[in-house]
């Protein structure tokens, strides 16, 4: 089952926000505390805090970034 193209920006932003929050929270947690015994819990807490911030930002920014990239690239 495929999703209609009209949801492209929303899905794209959601996936980018999810992946970026996941990876950034991981690396920032590693840098700040290292691999301690409760690392997984701290990382999950950081991820759950960052995703609600990263998701709407990526949804808002995605159309602008697409326009910028379209303007600076050619076929």
C-alpha atoms as a PDB file:
ATOM      1  CA  UNK A   1       0.000   0.000   0.000  1.00  0.00           C
ATOM      2  CA  UNK A   2       1.400   3.359  -1.009  1.00  0.00           C
ATOM      3  CA  UNK A   3       0.720   6.740   0.555  1.00  0.00           C
ATOM      4  CA  UNK A   4      -0.531   9.608  -1.662  1.00  0.00           C
ATOM      5  CA  UNK A   5       2.124  12.089  -2.836  1.00  0.00           C
ATOM      6  CA  UNK A   6       0.343  14.976  -1.106  1.00  0.00           C
ATOM      7  CA  UNK A   7       1.772  13.635   2.169  1.00  0.00           C
ATOM      8  CA  UNK A   8       5.337  13.602   0.823  1.00  0.00           C
ATOM      9  CA  UNK A   9       6.618  16.581   2.832  1.00  0.00           C
ATOM     10  CA  UNK A  10       4.989  15.371   6.026  1.00  0.00           C
ATOM     11  CA  UNK A  11       6.403  11.850   5.714  1.00  0.00           C
ATOM     12  CA  UNK A  12       9.799  13.105   4.587  1.00  0.00           C
ATOM     13  CA  UNK A  13       9.965  15.522   7.519  1.00  0.00           C
ATOM     14  CA  UNK A  14       8.802  12.868   9.964  1.00  0.00           C
ATOM     15  CA  UNK A  15      11.458  10.402   8.847  1.00  0.00           C
ATOM     16  CA  UNK A  16      14.209  13.009   8.817  1.00  0.00           C
ATOM     17  CA  UNK A  17      13.133  14.241  12.251  1.00  0.00           C
ATOM     18  CA  UNK A  18      13.033  10.703  13.611  1.00  0.00           C
ATOM     19  CA  UNK A  19      16.427   9.682  12.235  1.00  0.00           C
ATOM     20  CA  UNK A  20      18.127  12.958  13.156  1.00  0.00           C
ATOM     21  CA  UNK A  21      16.726  12.947  16.699  1.00  0.00           C
ATOM     22  CA  UNK A  22      17.667   9.293  17.122  1.00  0.00           C
ATOM     23  CA  UNK A  23      21.261   9.771  15.971  1.00  0.00           C
ATOM     24  CA  UNK A  24      21.890  13.189  17.502  1.00  0.00           C
ATOM     25  CA  UNK A  25      20.541  12.157  20.901  1.00  0.00           C
ATOM     26  CA  UNK A  26      22.762   9.066  20.749  1.00  0.00           C
ATOM     27  CA  UNK A  27      25.956  10.965  19.948  1.00  0.00           C
ATOM     28  CA  UNK A  28      25.283  13.830  22.340  1.00  0.00           C
ATOM     29  CA  UNK A  29      24.579  11.329  25.123  1.00  0.00           C
ATOM     30  CA  UNK A  30      27.807   9.453  24.349  1.00  0.00           C
ATOM     31  CA  UNK A  31      29.825  12.682  24.359  1.00  0.00           C
ATOM     32  CA  UNK A  32      28.276  13.956  27.589  1.00  0.00           C
ATOM     33  CA  UNK A  33      28.251  10.806  29.737  1.00  0.00           C
ATOM     34  CA  UNK A  34      29.990   8.029  27.789  1.00  0.00           C
ATOM     35  CA  UNK A  35      28.776   4.441  27.864  1.00  0.00           C
ATOM     36  CA  UNK A  36      27.672   4.208  31.489  1.00  0.00           C
ATOM     37  CA  UNK A  37      25.517   1.463  33.010  1.00  0.00           C
ATOM     38  CA  UNK A  38      22.268   3.404  32.545  1.00  0.00           C
ATOM     39  CA  UNK A  39      23.203   4.706  29.088  1.00  0.00           C
ATOM     40  CA  UNK A  40      20.202   3.198  27.327  1.00  0.00           C
ATOM     41  CA  UNK A  41      17.710   4.837  29.695  1.00  0.00           C
ATOM     42  CA  UNK A  42      19.421   8.208  29.446  1.00  0.00           C
ATOM     43  CA  UNK A  43      19.601   7.977  25.679  1.00  0.00           C
ATOM     44  CA  UNK A  44      15.914   7.068  25.449  1.00  0.00           C
ATOM     45  CA  UNK A  45      15.048  10.011  27.686  1.00  0.00           C
ATOM     46  CA  UNK A  46      17.120  12.343  25.472  1.00  0.00           C
ATOM     47  CA  UNK A  47      15.514  10.929  22.330  1.00  0.00           C
ATOM     48  CA  UNK A  48      11.991  11.297  23.724  1.00  0.00           C
ATOM     49  CA  UNK A  49      12.827  14.912  24.554  1.00  0.00           C
ATOM     50  CA  UNK A  50      14.416  15.782  21.196  1.00  0.00           C
ATOM     51  CA  UNK A  51      11.980  14.083  18.811  1.00  0.00           C
ATOM     52  CA  UNK A  52       8.984  16.317  19.652  1.00  0.00           C
ATOM     53  CA  UNK A  53      11.258  19.283  18.925  1.00  0.00           C
ATOM     54  CA  UNK A  54      12.959  17.869  15.829  1.00  0.00           C
ATOM     55  CA  UNK A  55       9.803  16.593  14.165  1.00  0.00           C
ATOM     56  CA  UNK A  56       7.938  19.910  13.781  1.00  0.00           C
ATOM     57  CA  UNK A  57      11.149  21.723  12.895  1.00  0.00           C
ATOM     58  CA  UNK A  58      11.856  19.249  10.096  1.00  0.00           C
ATOM     59  CA  UNK A  59       8.265  19.528   8.828  1.00  0.00           C
ATOM     60  CA  UNK A  60       8.516  23.323   8.711  1.00  0.00           C
ATOM     61  CA  UNK A  61      12.017  23.440   7.201  1.00  0.00           C
ATOM     62  CA  UNK A  62      11.632  20.693   4.567  1.00  0.00           C
ATOM     63  CA  UNK A  63       9.771  22.756   1.907  1.00  0.00           C
ATOM     64  CA  UNK A  64      12.246  25.639   2.229  1.00  0.00           C
ATOM     65  CA  UNK A  65      15.251  23.351   1.946  1.00  0.00           C
ATOM     66  CA  UNK A  66      13.726  21.668  -1.117  1.00  0.00           C
ATOM     67  CA  UNK A  67      13.294  25.080  -2.786  1.00  0.00           C
ATOM     68  CA  UNK A  68      16.873  26.093  -1.989  1.00  0.00           C
ATOM     69  CA  UNK A  69      18.250  22.826  -3.366  1.00  0.00           C
ATOM     70  CA  UNK A  70      16.057  23.108  -6.467  1.00  0.00           C
ATOM     71  CA  UNK A  71      17.434  26.615  -7.064  1.00  0.00           C
ATOM     72  CA  UNK A  72      21.091  25.655  -6.714  1.00  0.00           C
ATOM     73  CA  UNK A  73      20.988  22.430  -8.738  1.00  0.00           C
ATOM     74  CA  UNK A  74      20.140  21.634 -12.352  1.00  0.00           C
ATOM     75  CA  UNK A  75      18.892  18.612 -14.300  1.00  0.00           C
END
